[in-house]
Amino acid sequence: MLSKEDQRRFEQITRQLRESDPKFFARLDQRARARRGRWLMLLTIVLWASLPAMTVLAGRLAGAVCAVVLTVNVVLMWRFRRRWL
């Protein structure tokens, strides 16, 4: 954790870099979004793969609730796919 003074300096340096080289910051932001999107996609796939086991172990109601939540997740990821990719 940075001290308040170090945090202030870091924010000042970041702001100056952002103003002096906006293309660099755009590339960094795009990479972070792509990484986050890959993790979300991997998590979604793992959860879908575990759905049958969860249904067997926890019961049909838990499986149905999980399936509904995962379906909403897939719909939202598809709807906002440009934000994640």
PDB file of N, CA and C in Angstrom:
ATOM      1  N   MET A   1       0.844  -1.172   0.000  1.00  0.00           N
ATOM      2  CA  MET A   1       0.000   0.000   0.000  1.00  0.00           C
ATOM      3  C   MET A   1       0.888   1.233   0.000  1.00  0.00           C
ATOM      4  N   LEU A   2       0.564   2.152  -0.846  1.00  0.00           N
ATOM      5  CA  LEU A   2       1.342   3.379  -0.954  1.00  0.00           C
ATOM      6  C   LEU A   2       0.871   4.396   0.073  1.00  0.00           C
ATOM      7  N   SER A   3       1.823   5.204   0.541  1.00  0.00           N
ATOM      8  CA  SER A   3       1.437   6.295   1.433  1.00  0.00           C
ATOM      9  C   SER A   3       0.669   7.336   0.622  1.00  0.00           C
ATOM     10  N   LYS A   4       0.049   8.265   1.304  1.00  0.00           N
ATOM     11  CA  LYS A   4      -0.733   9.295   0.599  1.00  0.00           C
ATOM     12  C   LYS A   4       0.153  10.115  -0.322  1.00  0.00           C
ATOM     13  N   GLU A   5       1.348  10.410   0.136  1.00  0.00           N
ATOM     14  CA  GLU A   5       2.281  11.199  -0.681  1.00  0.00           C
ATOM     15  C   GLU A   5       2.714  10.408  -1.916  1.00  0.00           C
ATOM     16  N   ASP A   6       3.037   9.137  -1.732  1.00  0.00           N
ATOM     17  CA  ASP A   6       3.427   8.299  -2.868  1.00  0.00           C
ATOM     18  C   ASP A   6       2.264   8.111  -3.843  1.00  0.00           C
ATOM     19  N   GLN A   7       1.062   7.948  -3.293  1.00  0.00           N
ATOM     20  CA  GLN A   7      -0.116   7.809  -4.154  1.00  0.00           C
ATOM     21  C   GLN A   7      -0.341   9.078  -4.972  1.00  0.00           C
ATOM     22  N   ARG A   8      -0.153  10.233  -4.343  1.00  0.00           N
ATOM     23  CA  ARG A   8      -0.316  11.505  -5.041  1.00  0.00           C
ATOM     24  C   ARG A   8       0.722  11.637  -6.154  1.00  0.00           C
ATOM     25  N   ARG A   9       1.959  11.273  -5.863  1.00  0.00           N
ATOM     26  CA  ARG A   9       3.009  11.323  -6.885  1.00  0.00           C
ATOM     27  C   ARG A   9       2.712  10.366  -8.042  1.00  0.00           C
ATOM     28  N   PHE A  10       2.291   9.165  -7.693  1.00  0.00           N
ATOM     29  CA  PHE A  10       1.963   8.175  -8.715  1.00  0.00           C
ATOM     30  C   PHE A  10       0.843   8.682  -9.622  1.00  0.00           C
ATOM     31  N   GLU A  11      -0.195   9.244  -9.047  1.00  0.00           N
ATOM     32  CA  GLU A  11      -1.299   9.781  -9.843  1.00  0.00           C
ATOM     33  C   GLU A  11      -0.836  10.938 -10.724  1.00  0.00           C
ATOM     34  N   GLN A  12       0.058  11.761 -10.213  1.00  0.00           N
ATOM     35  CA  GLN A  12       0.593  12.875 -11.000  1.00  0.00           C
ATOM     36  C   GLN A  12       1.410  12.356 -12.181  1.00  0.00           C
ATOM     37  N   ILE A  13       2.261  11.370 -11.944  1.00  0.00           N
ATOM     38  CA  ILE A  13       3.061  10.785 -13.022  1.00  0.00           C
ATOM     39  C   ILE A  13       2.155  10.120 -14.050  1.00  0.00           C
ATOM     40  N   THR A  14       1.164   9.397 -13.559  1.00  0.00           N
ATOM     41  CA  THR A  14       0.223   8.733 -14.466  1.00  0.00           C
ATOM     42  C   THR A  14      -0.512   9.747 -15.323  1.00  0.00           C
ATOM     43  N   ARG A  15      -0.982  10.806 -14.720  1.00  0.00           N
ATOM     44  CA  ARG A  15      -1.701  11.844 -15.466  1.00  0.00           C
ATOM     45  C   ARG A  15      -0.803  12.472 -16.534  1.00  0.00           C
ATOM     46  N   GLN A  16       0.448  12.762 -16.181  1.00  0.00           N
ATOM     47  CA  GLN A  16       1.381  13.349 -17.145  1.00  0.00           C
ATOM     48  C   GLN A  16       1.660  12.389 -18.302  1.00  0.00           C
ATOM     49  N   LEU A  17       1.855  11.119 -17.996  1.00  0.00           N
ATOM     50  CA  LEU A  17       2.073  10.131 -19.053  1.00  0.00           C
ATOM     51  C   LEU A  17       0.852   9.982 -19.951  1.00  0.00           C
ATOM     52  N   ARG A  18      -0.331   9.981 -19.339  1.00  0.00           N
ATOM     53  CA  ARG A  18      -1.561   9.859 -20.123  1.00  0.00           C
ATOM     54  C   ARG A  18      -1.709  11.031 -21.090  1.00  0.00           C
ATOM     55  N   GLU A  19      -1.364  12.229 -20.628  1.00  0.00           N
ATOM     56  CA  GLU A  19      -1.476  13.417 -21.482  1.00  0.00           C
ATOM     57  C   GLU A  19      -0.392  13.434 -22.555  1.00  0.00           C
ATOM     58  N   SER A  20       0.798  12.946 -22.235  1.00  0.00           N
ATOM     59  CA  SER A  20       1.900  13.010 -23.198  1.00  0.00           C
ATOM     60  C   SER A  20       1.859  11.883 -24.228  1.00  0.00           C
ATOM     61  N   ASP A  21       1.307  10.711 -23.866  1.00  0.00           N
ATOM     62  CA  ASP A  21       1.279   9.573 -24.795  1.00  0.00           C
ATOM     63  C   ASP A  21      -0.047   8.823 -24.678  1.00  0.00           C
ATOM     64  N   PRO A  22      -1.114   9.363 -25.247  1.00  0.00           N
ATOM     65  CA  PRO A  22      -2.427   8.710 -25.117  1.00  0.00           C
ATOM     66  C   PRO A  22      -2.510   7.360 -25.840  1.00  0.00           C
ATOM     67  N   LYS A  23      -1.737   7.178 -26.899  1.00  0.00           N
ATOM     68  CA  LYS A  23      -1.760   5.895 -27.607  1.00  0.00           C
ATOM     69  C   LYS A  23      -1.248   4.764 -26.710  1.00  0.00           C
ATOM     70  N   PHE A  24      -0.214   5.051 -25.939  1.00  0.00           N
ATOM     71  CA  PHE A  24       0.342   4.065 -25.021  1.00  0.00           C
ATOM     72  C   PHE A  24      -0.711   3.624 -24.001  1.00  0.00           C
ATOM     73  N   PHE A  25      -1.424   4.583 -23.424  1.00  0.00           N
ATOM     74  CA  PHE A  25      -2.454   4.248 -22.446  1.00  0.00           C
ATOM     75  C   PHE A  25      -3.621   3.510 -23.086  1.00  0.00           C
ATOM     76  N   ALA A  26      -3.945   3.821 -24.318  1.00  0.00           N
ATOM     77  CA  ALA A  26      -5.020   3.103 -25.004  1.00  0.00           C
ATOM     78  C   ALA A  26      -4.640   1.638 -25.199  1.00  0.00           C
ATOM     79  N   ARG A  27      -3.371   1.370 -25.549  1.00  0.00           N
ATOM     80  CA  ARG A  27      -2.922  -0.017 -25.700  1.00  0.00           C
ATOM     81  C   ARG A  27      -2.975  -0.767 -24.373  1.00  0.00           C
ATOM     82  N   LEU A  28      -2.548  -0.114 -23.295  1.00  0.00           N
ATOM     83  CA  LEU A  28      -2.588  -0.758 -21.982  1.00  0.00           C
ATOM     84  C   LEU A  28      -4.015  -1.068 -21.566  1.00  0.00           C
ATOM     85  N   ASP A  29      -4.920  -0.132 -21.806  1.00  0.00           N
ATOM     86  CA  ASP A  29      -6.315  -0.338 -21.442  1.00  0.00           C
ATOM     87  C   ASP A  29      -6.920  -1.484 -22.240  1.00  0.00           C
ATOM     88  N   GLN A  30      -6.579  -1.564 -23.517  1.00  0.00           N
ATOM     89  CA  GLN A  30      -7.102  -2.630 -24.363  1.00  0.00           C
ATOM     90  C   GLN A  30      -6.589  -3.993 -23.902  1.00  0.00           C
ATOM     91  N   ARG A  31      -5.339  -4.073 -23.518  1.00  0.00           N
ATOM     92  CA  ARG A  31      -4.781  -5.346 -23.034  1.00  0.00           C
ATOM     93  C   ARG A  31      -5.451  -5.775 -21.740  1.00  0.00           C
ATOM     94  N   ALA A  32      -5.689  -4.826 -20.843  1.00  0.00           N
ATOM     95  CA  ALA A  32      -6.339  -5.161 -19.575  1.00  0.00           C
ATOM     96  C   ALA A  32      -7.756  -5.656 -19.813  1.00  0.00           C
ATOM     97  N   ARG A  33      -8.481  -5.021 -20.732  1.00  0.00           N
ATOM     98  CA  ARG A  33      -9.837  -5.459 -21.047  1.00  0.00           C
ATOM     99  C   ARG A  33      -9.831  -6.859 -21.644  1.00  0.00           C
ATOM    100  N   ALA A  34      -8.890  -7.130 -22.533  1.00  0.00           N
ATOM    101  CA  ALA A  34      -8.815  -8.457 -23.158  1.00  0.00           C
ATOM    102  C   ALA A  34      -8.501  -9.522 -22.112  1.00  0.00           C
ATOM    103  N   ARG A  35      -7.610  -9.221 -21.193  1.00  0.00           N
ATOM    104  CA  ARG A  35      -7.254 -10.172 -20.140  1.00  0.00           C
ATOM    105  C   ARG A  35      -8.469 -10.450 -19.254  1.00  0.00           C
ATOM    106  N   ARG A  36      -9.187  -9.404 -18.890  1.00  0.00           N
ATOM    107  CA  ARG A  36     -10.373  -9.563 -18.058  1.00  0.00           C
ATOM    108  C   ARG A  36     -11.436 -10.382 -18.794  1.00  0.00           C
ATOM    109  N   GLY A  37     -11.590 -10.130 -20.081  1.00  0.00           N
ATOM    110  CA  GLY A  37     -12.561 -10.884 -20.873  1.00  0.00           C
ATOM    111  C   GLY A  37     -12.218 -12.352 -20.962  1.00  0.00           C
ATOM    112  N   ARG A  38     -10.930 -12.661 -21.100  1.00  0.00           N
ATOM    113  CA  ARG A  38     -10.514 -14.070 -21.147  1.00  0.00           C
ATOM    114  C   ARG A  38     -10.818 -14.769 -19.827  1.00  0.00           C
ATOM    115  N   TRP A  39     -10.563 -14.100 -18.709  1.00  0.00           N
ATOM    116  CA  TRP A  39     -10.841 -14.697 -17.411  1.00  0.00           C
ATOM    117  C   TRP A  39     -12.332 -14.915 -17.217  1.00  0.00           C
ATOM    118  N   LEU A  40     -13.143 -13.949 -17.640  1.00  0.00           N
ATOM    119  CA  LEU A  40     -14.591 -14.122 -17.529  1.00  0.00           C
ATOM    120  C   LEU A  40     -15.079 -15.280 -18.388  1.00  0.00           C
ATOM    121  N   MET A  41     -14.548 -15.394 -19.580  1.00  0.00           N
ATOM    122  CA  MET A  41     -14.944 -16.485 -20.458  1.00  0.00           C
ATOM    123  C   MET A  41     -14.526 -17.828 -19.860  1.00  0.00           C
ATOM    124  N   LEU A  42     -13.317 -17.910 -19.336  1.00  0.00           N
ATOM    125  CA  LEU A  42     -12.848 -19.145 -18.711  1.00  0.00           C
ATOM    126  C   LEU A  42     -13.717 -19.507 -17.508  1.00  0.00           C
ATOM    127  N   LEU A  43     -14.049 -18.538 -16.696  1.00  0.00           N
ATOM    128  CA  LEU A  43     -14.905 -18.788 -15.540  1.00  0.00           C
ATOM    129  C   LEU A  43     -16.277 -19.283 -15.973  1.00  0.00           C
ATOM    130  N   THR A  44     -16.830 -18.686 -17.012  1.00  0.00           N
ATOM    131  CA  THR A  44     -18.132 -19.110 -17.514  1.00  0.00           C
ATOM    132  C   THR A  44     -18.081 -20.554 -18.014  1.00  0.00           C
ATOM    133  N   ILE A  45     -17.051 -20.903 -18.736  1.00  0.00           N
ATOM    134  CA  ILE A  45     -16.915 -22.269 -19.249  1.00  0.00           C
ATOM    135  C   ILE A  45     -16.778 -23.270 -18.108  1.00  0.00           C
ATOM    136  N   VAL A  46     -15.977 -22.935 -17.117  1.00  0.00           N
ATOM    137  CA  VAL A  46     -15.801 -23.838 -15.971  1.00  0.00           C
ATOM    138  C   VAL A  46     -17.114 -24.010 -15.213  1.00  0.00           C
ATOM    139  N   LEU A  47     -17.843 -22.927 -15.034  1.00  0.00           N
ATOM    140  CA  LEU A  47     -19.121 -23.033 -14.324  1.00  0.00           C
ATOM    141  C   LEU A  47     -20.145 -23.851 -15.113  1.00  0.00           C
ATOM    142  N   TRP A  48     -20.184 -23.660 -16.429  1.00  0.00           N
ATOM    143  CA  TRP A  48     -21.093 -24.474 -17.249  1.00  0.00           C
ATOM    144  C   TRP A  48     -20.693 -25.938 -17.187  1.00  0.00           C
ATOM    145  N   ALA A  49     -19.402 -26.222 -17.184  1.00  0.00           N
ATOM    146  CA  ALA A  49     -18.940 -27.608 -17.130  1.00  0.00           C
ATOM    147  C   ALA A  49     -19.268 -28.251 -15.782  1.00  0.00           C
ATOM    148  N   SER A  50     -19.301 -27.457 -14.725  1.00  0.00           N
ATOM    149  CA  SER A  50     -19.598 -28.005 -13.400  1.00  0.00           C
ATOM    150  C   SER A  50     -21.091 -28.088 -13.114  1.00  0.00           C
ATOM    151  N   LEU A  51     -21.913 -27.557 -13.996  1.00  0.00           N
ATOM    152  CA  LEU A  51     -23.361 -27.553 -13.774  1.00  0.00           C
ATOM    153  C   LEU A  51     -23.953 -28.954 -13.597  1.00  0.00           C
ATOM    154  N   PRO A  52     -23.610 -29.944 -14.426  1.00  0.00           N
ATOM    155  CA  PRO A  52     -24.192 -31.290 -14.200  1.00  0.00           C
ATOM    156  C   PRO A  52     -23.822 -31.874 -12.835  1.00  0.00           C
ATOM    157  N   ALA A  53     -22.584 -31.698 -12.431  1.00  0.00           N
ATOM    158  CA  ALA A  53     -22.164 -32.221 -11.130  1.00  0.00           C
ATOM    159  C   ALA A  53     -22.894 -31.493 -10.004  1.00  0.00           C
ATOM    160  N   MET A  54     -23.064 -30.200 -10.148  1.00  0.00           N
ATOM    161  CA  MET A  54     -23.771 -29.440  -9.127  1.00  0.00           C
ATOM    162  C   MET A  54     -25.230 -29.881  -9.047  1.00  0.00           C
ATOM    163  N   THR A  55     -25.821 -30.157 -10.194  1.00  0.00           N
ATOM    164  CA  THR A  55     -27.211 -30.613 -10.213  1.00  0.00           C
ATOM    165  C   THR A  55     -27.349 -31.954  -9.508  1.00  0.00           C
ATOM    166  N   VAL A  56     -26.417 -32.847  -9.755  1.00  0.00           N
ATOM    167  CA  VAL A  56     -26.475 -34.166  -9.117  1.00  0.00           C
ATOM    168  C   VAL A  56     -26.224 -34.055  -7.616  1.00  0.00           C
ATOM    169  N   LEU A  57     -25.229 -33.261  -7.230  1.00  0.00           N
ATOM    170  CA  LEU A  57     -24.857 -33.184  -5.816  1.00  0.00           C
ATOM    171  C   LEU A  57     -25.799 -32.302  -4.985  1.00  0.00           C
ATOM    172  N   ALA A  58     -26.240 -31.183  -5.554  1.00  0.00           N
ATOM    173  CA  ALA A  58     -27.025 -30.233  -4.770  1.00  0.00           C
ATOM    174  C   ALA A  58     -28.523 -30.317  -5.051  1.00  0.00           C
ATOM    175  N   GLY A  59     -28.911 -31.014  -6.095  1.00  0.00           N
ATOM    176  CA  GLY A  59     -30.335 -31.152  -6.387  1.00  0.00           C
ATOM    177  C   GLY A  59     -30.743 -30.354  -7.613  1.00  0.00           C
ATOM    178  N   ARG A  60     -31.936 -30.666  -8.076  1.00  0.00           N
ATOM    179  CA  ARG A  60     -32.423 -30.027  -9.304  1.00  0.00           C
ATOM    180  C   ARG A  60     -32.658 -28.532  -9.133  1.00  0.00           C
ATOM    181  N   LEU A  61     -33.165 -28.127  -7.985  1.00  0.00           N
ATOM    182  CA  LEU A  61     -33.440 -26.709  -7.776  1.00  0.00           C
ATOM    183  C   LEU A  61     -32.150 -25.891  -7.836  1.00  0.00           C
ATOM    184  N   ALA A  62     -31.111 -26.360  -7.178  1.00  0.00           N
ATOM    185  CA  ALA A  62     -29.824 -25.648  -7.217  1.00  0.00           C
ATOM    186  C   ALA A  62     -29.261 -25.632  -8.631  1.00  0.00           C
ATOM    187  N   GLY A  63     -29.407 -26.739  -9.346  1.00  0.00           N
ATOM    188  CA  GLY A  63     -28.946 -26.791 -10.729  1.00  0.00           C
ATOM    189  C   GLY A  63     -29.715 -25.830 -11.619  1.00  0.00           C
ATOM    190  N   ALA A  64     -31.024 -25.752 -11.401  1.00  0.00           N
ATOM    191  CA  ALA A  64     -31.846 -24.832 -12.192  1.00  0.00           C
ATOM    192  C   ALA A  64     -31.485 -23.378 -11.908  1.00  0.00           C
ATOM    193  N   VAL A  65     -31.281 -23.047 -10.649  1.00  0.00           N
ATOM    194  CA  VAL A  65     -30.894 -21.676 -10.287  1.00  0.00           C
ATOM    195  C   VAL A  65     -29.542 -21.343 -10.903  1.00  0.00           C
ATOM    196  N   CYS A  66     -28.606 -22.271 -10.815  1.00  0.00           N
ATOM    197  CA  CYS A  66     -27.283 -22.060 -11.401  1.00  0.00           C
ATOM    198  C   CYS A  66     -27.380 -21.896 -12.917  1.00  0.00           C
ATOM    199  N   ALA A  67     -28.212 -22.690 -13.557  1.00  0.00           N
ATOM    200  CA  ALA A  67     -28.374 -22.588 -15.009  1.00  0.00           C
ATOM    201  C   ALA A  67     -28.962 -21.240 -15.397  1.00  0.00           C
ATOM    202  N   VAL A  68     -29.919 -20.746 -14.632  1.00  0.00           N
ATOM    203  CA  VAL A  68     -30.511 -19.425 -14.922  1.00  0.00           C
ATOM    204  C   VAL A  68     -29.464 -18.333 -14.758  1.00  0.00           C
ATOM    205  N   VAL A  69     -28.700 -18.401 -13.688  1.00  0.00           N
ATOM    206  CA  VAL A  69     -27.660 -17.390 -13.455  1.00  0.00           C
ATOM    207  C   VAL A  69     -26.618 -17.433 -14.573  1.00  0.00           C
ATOM    208  N   LEU A  70     -26.205 -18.605 -14.977  1.00  0.00           N
ATOM    209  CA  LEU A  70     -25.219 -18.733 -16.045  1.00  0.00           C
ATOM    210  C   LEU A  70     -25.783 -18.265 -17.386  1.00  0.00           C
ATOM    211  N   THR A  71     -27.063 -18.516 -17.616  1.00  0.00           N
ATOM    212  CA  THR A  71     -27.676 -18.039 -18.855  1.00  0.00           C
ATOM    213  C   THR A  71     -27.698 -16.515 -18.889  1.00  0.00           C
ATOM    214  N   VAL A  72     -28.039 -15.892 -17.777  1.00  0.00           N
ATOM    215  CA  VAL A  72     -28.005 -14.429 -17.698  1.00  0.00           C
ATOM    216  C   VAL A  72     -26.579 -13.929 -17.912  1.00  0.00           C
ATOM    217  N   ASN A  73     -25.608 -14.626 -17.332  1.00  0.00           N
ATOM    218  CA  ASN A  73     -24.208 -14.261 -17.508  1.00  0.00           C
ATOM    219  C   ASN A  73     -23.814 -14.296 -18.981  1.00  0.00           C
ATOM    220  N   VAL A  74     -24.201 -15.363 -19.678  1.00  0.00           N
ATOM    221  CA  VAL A  74     -23.865 -15.495 -21.099  1.00  0.00           C
ATOM    222  C   VAL A  74     -24.534 -14.394 -21.912  1.00  0.00           C
ATOM    223  N   VAL A  75     -25.795 -14.113 -21.604  1.00  0.00           N
ATOM    224  CA  VAL A  75     -26.508 -13.047 -22.326  1.00  0.00           C
ATOM    225  C   VAL A  75     -25.822 -11.698 -22.106  1.00  0.00           C
ATOM    226  N   LEU A  76     -25.458 -11.403 -20.866  1.00  0.00           N
ATOM    227  CA  LEU A  76     -24.780 -10.132 -20.587  1.00  0.00           C
ATOM    228  C   LEU A  76     -23.413 -10.061 -21.246  1.00  0.00           C
ATOM    229  N   MET A  77     -22.682 -11.173 -21.235  1.00  0.00           N
ATOM    230  CA  MET A  77     -21.373 -11.168 -21.896  1.00  0.00           C
ATOM    231  C   MET A  77     -21.533 -10.966 -23.399  1.00  0.00           C
ATOM    232  N   TRP A  78     -22.559 -11.568 -23.978  1.00  0.00           N
ATOM    233  CA  TRP A  78     -22.794 -11.385 -25.413  1.00  0.00           C
ATOM    234  C   TRP A  78     -23.223  -9.951 -25.701  1.00  0.00           C
ATOM    235  N   ARG A  79     -24.080  -9.408 -24.849  1.00  0.00           N
ATOM    236  CA  ARG A  79     -24.588  -8.048 -25.053  1.00  0.00           C
ATOM    237  C   ARG A  79     -23.462  -7.025 -24.973  1.00  0.00           C
ATOM    238  N   PHE A  80     -22.555  -7.202 -24.045  1.00  0.00           N
ATOM    239  CA  PHE A  80     -21.473  -6.243 -23.844  1.00  0.00           C
ATOM    240  C   PHE A  80     -20.134  -6.797 -24.293  1.00  0.00           C
ATOM    241  N   ARG A  81     -20.140  -7.624 -25.336  1.00  0.00           N
ATOM    242  CA  ARG A  81     -18.903  -8.282 -25.778  1.00  0.00           C
ATOM    243  C   ARG A  81     -17.836  -7.305 -26.230  1.00  0.00           C
ATOM    244  N   ARG A  82     -18.199  -6.183 -26.772  1.00  0.00           N
ATOM    245  CA  ARG A  82     -17.201  -5.195 -27.207  1.00  0.00           C
ATOM    246  C   ARG A  82     -16.457  -4.604 -26.021  1.00  0.00           C
ATOM    247  N   ARG A  83     -17.113  -4.562 -24.880  1.00  0.00           N
ATOM    248  CA  ARG A  83     -16.474  -4.018 -23.690  1.00  0.00           C
ATOM    249  C   ARG A  83     -15.410  -4.977 -23.158  1.00  0.00           C
ATOM    250  N   TRP A  84     -15.606  -6.287 -23.330  1.00  0.00           N
ATOM    251  CA  TRP A  84     -14.678  -7.277 -22.787  1.00  0.00           C
ATOM    252  C   TRP A  84     -13.579  -7.647 -23.757  1.00  0.00           C
ATOM    253  N   LEU A  85     -13.819  -7.516 -25.056  1.00  0.00           N
ATOM    254  CA  LEU A  85     -12.835  -7.970 -26.044  1.00  0.00           C
ATOM    255  C   LEU A  85     -11.951  -6.867 -26.524  1.00  0.00           C
TER     256      LEU A  85
END
